[in-house]
């Protein structure tokens, strides 16, 4: 019998573990941001696993890009609402 393919959640945890040295090299104040970033990728694990990519990093990267896009769009909407509330064009 062939080897069992790990679930994407397990593969994702393995990928994050592979970046442990990178995280450790970051200044202490930046490690929390790194942890938040990898945590954000977990929000879209099901979408990443459905995309069937040859690299688990690709799925995580797309999840992070998507998450950041959503945050950026929300920030822009908020800024526009504040501007409109001030009466600016």
N, C-alpha and C. Protein backbone atom coordinates (compact mmCIF):
# COMPACT_ATOMS: atom_id res chain seq x y z
N UNK A 1 0.83 -1.18 0.00
CA UNK A 1 0.00 0.00 0.00
C UNK A 1 0.87 1.25 0.00
N UNK A 2 0.34 2.33 -0.57
CA UNK A 2 1.06 3.59 -0.65
C UNK A 2 1.02 4.35 0.66
N UNK A 3 1.79 5.39 0.69
CA UNK A 3 1.82 6.24 1.88
C UNK A 3 0.57 7.10 1.94
N UNK A 4 0.10 7.34 3.12
CA UNK A 4 -1.07 8.18 3.31
C UNK A 4 -0.64 9.64 3.21
N UNK A 5 -1.40 10.42 2.48
CA UNK A 5 -1.13 11.85 2.36
C UNK A 5 -1.68 12.53 3.61
N UNK A 6 -0.86 13.33 4.30
CA UNK A 6 -1.37 13.98 5.51
C UNK A 6 -2.43 15.02 5.18
N UNK A 7 -3.32 15.27 6.13
CA UNK A 7 -4.34 16.30 5.93
C UNK A 7 -3.63 17.64 5.74
N UNK A 8 -4.35 18.59 5.17
CA UNK A 8 -3.72 19.88 4.94
C UNK A 8 -3.38 20.56 6.26
N UNK A 9 -4.18 20.35 7.28
CA UNK A 9 -3.88 20.94 8.59
C UNK A 9 -2.54 20.43 9.11
N UNK A 10 -2.30 19.14 8.97
CA UNK A 10 -1.03 18.57 9.41
C UNK A 10 0.11 19.08 8.53
N UNK A 11 -0.12 19.10 7.22
CA UNK A 11 0.91 19.60 6.30
C UNK A 11 1.21 21.07 6.58
N UNK A 12 0.19 21.83 6.90
CA UNK A 12 0.39 23.24 7.21
C UNK A 12 1.21 23.41 8.48
N UNK A 13 0.92 22.61 9.50
CA UNK A 13 1.69 22.66 10.74
C UNK A 13 3.15 22.29 10.47
N UNK A 14 3.37 21.33 9.59
CA UNK A 14 4.74 20.95 9.23
C UNK A 14 5.44 22.10 8.51
N UNK A 15 4.72 22.79 7.64
CA UNK A 15 5.30 23.94 6.93
C UNK A 15 5.69 25.03 7.90
N UNK A 16 4.81 25.36 8.84
CA UNK A 16 5.10 26.39 9.83
C UNK A 16 6.30 25.97 10.67
N UNK A 17 6.36 24.71 11.04
CA UNK A 17 7.51 24.21 11.81
C UNK A 17 8.81 24.36 11.02
N UNK A 18 8.73 24.23 9.72
CA UNK A 18 9.90 24.39 8.87
C UNK A 18 10.43 25.82 8.86
N UNK A 19 9.61 26.77 9.24
CA UNK A 19 10.01 28.18 9.29
C UNK A 19 10.43 28.58 10.71
N UNK A 20 10.62 27.62 11.58
CA UNK A 20 10.96 27.89 12.98
C UNK A 20 12.25 28.70 13.10
N UNK A 21 13.26 28.37 12.30
CA UNK A 21 14.54 29.11 12.37
C UNK A 21 14.34 30.56 11.93
N UNK A 22 13.50 30.78 10.93
CA UNK A 22 13.20 32.14 10.48
C UNK A 22 12.55 32.92 11.62
N UNK A 23 11.56 32.31 12.25
CA UNK A 23 10.86 32.96 13.36
C UNK A 23 11.83 33.30 14.48
N UNK A 24 12.69 32.35 14.79
CA UNK A 24 13.66 32.54 15.87
C UNK A 24 14.64 33.67 15.56
N UNK A 25 14.94 33.88 14.29
CA UNK A 25 15.87 34.94 13.88
C UNK A 25 15.23 36.32 13.93
N UNK A 26 13.92 36.39 13.99
CA UNK A 26 13.23 37.68 14.05
C UNK A 26 13.45 38.32 15.42
N UNK A 27 13.45 39.65 15.47
CA UNK A 27 13.48 40.30 16.78
C UNK A 27 12.24 39.88 17.58
N UNK A 28 12.39 39.80 18.88
CA UNK A 28 11.30 39.34 19.74
C UNK A 28 9.98 40.03 19.49
N UNK A 29 10.02 41.35 19.24
CA UNK A 29 8.78 42.10 19.03
C UNK A 29 8.08 41.72 17.73
N UNK A 30 8.81 41.15 16.78
CA UNK A 30 8.22 40.77 15.49
C UNK A 30 7.70 39.34 15.47
N UNK A 31 8.03 38.56 16.45
CA UNK A 31 7.58 37.17 16.47
C UNK A 31 6.07 37.05 16.60
N UNK A 32 5.47 37.97 17.36
CA UNK A 32 4.01 37.95 17.50
C UNK A 32 3.34 38.19 16.15
N UNK A 33 3.90 39.10 15.35
CA UNK A 33 3.35 39.37 14.02
C UNK A 33 3.49 38.14 13.13
N UNK A 34 4.61 37.45 13.23
CA UNK A 34 4.80 36.22 12.46
C UNK A 34 3.78 35.17 12.87
N UNK A 35 3.56 35.05 14.17
CA UNK A 35 2.57 34.08 14.67
C UNK A 35 1.17 34.44 14.21
N UNK A 36 0.85 35.73 14.19
CA UNK A 36 -0.47 36.17 13.69
C UNK A 36 -0.61 35.84 12.21
N UNK A 37 0.47 36.03 11.47
CA UNK A 37 0.43 35.77 10.04
C UNK A 37 0.18 34.28 9.77
N UNK A 38 0.91 33.42 10.45
CA UNK A 38 0.70 31.99 10.22
C UNK A 38 -0.66 31.54 10.74
N UNK A 39 -1.14 32.21 11.78
CA UNK A 39 -2.48 31.92 12.27
C UNK A 39 -3.55 32.31 11.26
N UNK A 40 -3.32 33.41 10.55
CA UNK A 40 -4.27 33.85 9.54
C UNK A 40 -4.39 32.83 8.42
N UNK A 41 -3.30 32.19 8.09
CA UNK A 41 -3.34 31.16 7.04
C UNK A 41 -4.26 30.02 7.44
N UNK A 42 -4.33 29.74 8.73
CA UNK A 42 -5.19 28.65 9.21
C UNK A 42 -6.67 28.96 9.03
N UNK A 43 -7.01 30.25 8.90
CA UNK A 43 -8.41 30.63 8.71
C UNK A 43 -8.98 30.06 7.42
N UNK A 44 -8.10 29.84 6.45
CA UNK A 44 -8.54 29.42 5.12
C UNK A 44 -7.98 28.05 4.74
N UNK A 45 -7.77 27.21 5.74
CA UNK A 45 -7.21 25.89 5.50
C UNK A 45 -8.07 25.07 4.55
N UNK A 46 -9.38 25.14 4.71
CA UNK A 46 -10.23 24.32 3.84
C UNK A 46 -10.13 24.76 2.39
N UNK A 47 -10.04 26.07 2.15
CA UNK A 47 -9.89 26.55 0.77
C UNK A 47 -8.53 26.15 0.22
N UNK A 48 -7.51 26.22 1.05
CA UNK A 48 -6.16 25.85 0.61
C UNK A 48 -6.08 24.38 0.24
N UNK A 49 -6.74 23.54 1.03
CA UNK A 49 -6.69 22.11 0.76
C UNK A 49 -7.49 21.75 -0.49
N UNK A 50 -8.52 22.52 -0.77
CA UNK A 50 -9.35 22.25 -1.95
C UNK A 50 -8.63 22.63 -3.24
N UNK A 51 -7.63 23.50 -3.13
CA UNK A 51 -6.93 23.99 -4.31
C UNK A 51 -5.92 22.99 -4.88
N UNK A 52 -5.62 21.94 -4.17
CA UNK A 52 -4.69 20.88 -4.59
C UNK A 52 -3.50 21.44 -5.36
N UNK A 53 -2.55 21.96 -4.62
CA UNK A 53 -1.34 22.53 -5.19
C UNK A 53 -0.17 21.59 -4.88
N UNK A 54 0.85 21.61 -5.71
CA UNK A 54 2.00 20.74 -5.45
C UNK A 54 2.77 21.12 -4.20
N UNK A 55 2.64 22.36 -3.76
CA UNK A 55 3.38 22.83 -2.59
C UNK A 55 2.40 23.32 -1.55
N UNK A 56 2.54 22.86 -0.32
CA UNK A 56 1.65 23.34 0.74
C UNK A 56 1.89 24.82 1.01
N UNK A 57 3.11 25.30 0.74
CA UNK A 57 3.41 26.71 0.94
C UNK A 57 2.56 27.58 0.01
N UNK A 58 2.30 27.12 -1.20
CA UNK A 58 1.47 27.90 -2.13
C UNK A 58 0.08 28.15 -1.56
N UNK A 59 -0.51 27.13 -0.98
CA UNK A 59 -1.83 27.29 -0.38
C UNK A 59 -1.80 28.25 0.79
N UNK A 60 -0.77 28.15 1.61
CA UNK A 60 -0.64 29.06 2.75
C UNK A 60 -0.41 30.49 2.26
N UNK A 61 0.43 30.65 1.25
CA UNK A 61 0.72 31.99 0.74
C UNK A 61 -0.55 32.62 0.17
N UNK A 62 -1.33 31.86 -0.58
CA UNK A 62 -2.57 32.41 -1.14
C UNK A 62 -3.55 32.76 -0.01
N UNK A 63 -3.61 31.94 1.02
CA UNK A 63 -4.48 32.24 2.15
C UNK A 63 -4.07 33.54 2.82
N UNK A 64 -2.76 33.74 2.97
CA UNK A 64 -2.27 34.98 3.58
C UNK A 64 -2.54 36.19 2.70
N UNK A 65 -2.31 36.04 1.41
CA UNK A 65 -2.59 37.14 0.48
C UNK A 65 -4.08 37.49 0.52
N UNK A 66 -4.92 36.48 0.51
CA UNK A 66 -6.36 36.70 0.57
C UNK A 66 -6.75 37.41 1.86
N UNK A 67 -6.21 36.96 2.97
CA UNK A 67 -6.52 37.56 4.27
C UNK A 67 -6.08 39.02 4.30
N UNK A 68 -4.89 39.30 3.80
CA UNK A 68 -4.41 40.67 3.77
C UNK A 68 -5.24 41.54 2.83
N UNK A 69 -5.70 40.97 1.75
CA UNK A 69 -6.57 41.70 0.83
C UNK A 69 -7.86 42.10 1.54
N UNK A 70 -8.43 41.17 2.30
CA UNK A 70 -9.64 41.48 3.05
C UNK A 70 -9.40 42.58 4.07
N UNK A 71 -8.27 42.52 4.77
CA UNK A 71 -7.94 43.55 5.76
C UNK A 71 -7.75 44.91 5.09
N UNK A 72 -7.08 44.92 3.95
CA UNK A 72 -6.85 46.16 3.22
C UNK A 72 -8.17 46.76 2.75
N UNK A 73 -9.03 45.94 2.21
CA UNK A 73 -10.33 46.43 1.74
C UNK A 73 -11.15 47.00 2.90
N UNK A 74 -11.09 46.35 4.05
CA UNK A 74 -11.81 46.84 5.23
C UNK A 74 -11.22 48.18 5.69
N UNK A 75 -9.91 48.32 5.67
CA UNK A 75 -9.26 49.57 6.08
C UNK A 75 -9.62 50.70 5.13
N UNK A 76 -9.65 50.41 3.84
CA UNK A 76 -10.01 51.42 2.85
C UNK A 76 -11.46 51.86 3.05
N UNK A 77 -12.37 50.90 3.26
CA UNK A 77 -13.78 51.24 3.51
C UNK A 77 -13.90 52.14 4.74
N UNK A 78 -13.18 51.78 5.80
CA UNK A 78 -13.24 52.57 7.04
C UNK A 78 -12.71 53.98 6.81
N UNK A 79 -11.61 54.10 6.07
CA UNK A 79 -11.04 55.42 5.79
C UNK A 79 -12.01 56.26 4.96
N UNK A 80 -12.66 55.64 3.99
CA UNK A 80 -13.63 56.37 3.17
C UNK A 80 -14.82 56.81 3.99
N UNK A 81 -15.29 55.97 4.90
CA UNK A 81 -16.41 56.33 5.76
C UNK A 81 -16.04 57.51 6.67
N UNK A 82 -14.81 57.50 7.18
CA UNK A 82 -14.36 58.61 8.03
C UNK A 82 -14.28 59.90 7.22
N UNK A 83 -13.74 59.78 6.02
CA UNK A 83 -13.65 60.95 5.14
C UNK A 83 -15.02 61.52 4.82
N UNK A 84 -15.97 60.64 4.51
CA UNK A 84 -17.31 61.10 4.18
C UNK A 84 -17.98 61.74 5.39
N UNK A 85 -17.69 61.23 6.56
CA UNK A 85 -18.23 61.80 7.78
C UNK A 85 -17.69 63.17 8.08
N UNK A 86 -16.49 63.48 7.58
CA UNK A 86 -15.87 64.78 7.78
C UNK A 86 -16.30 65.78 6.71
N UNK A 87 -17.01 65.29 5.70
CA UNK A 87 -17.46 66.17 4.63
C UNK A 87 -16.43 66.39 3.54
N UNK A 88 -15.37 65.59 3.54
CA UNK A 88 -14.35 65.71 2.48
C UNK A 88 -14.83 64.99 1.24
N UNK A 89 -14.40 65.46 0.06
CA UNK A 89 -14.84 64.83 -1.20
C UNK A 89 -14.25 63.46 -1.39
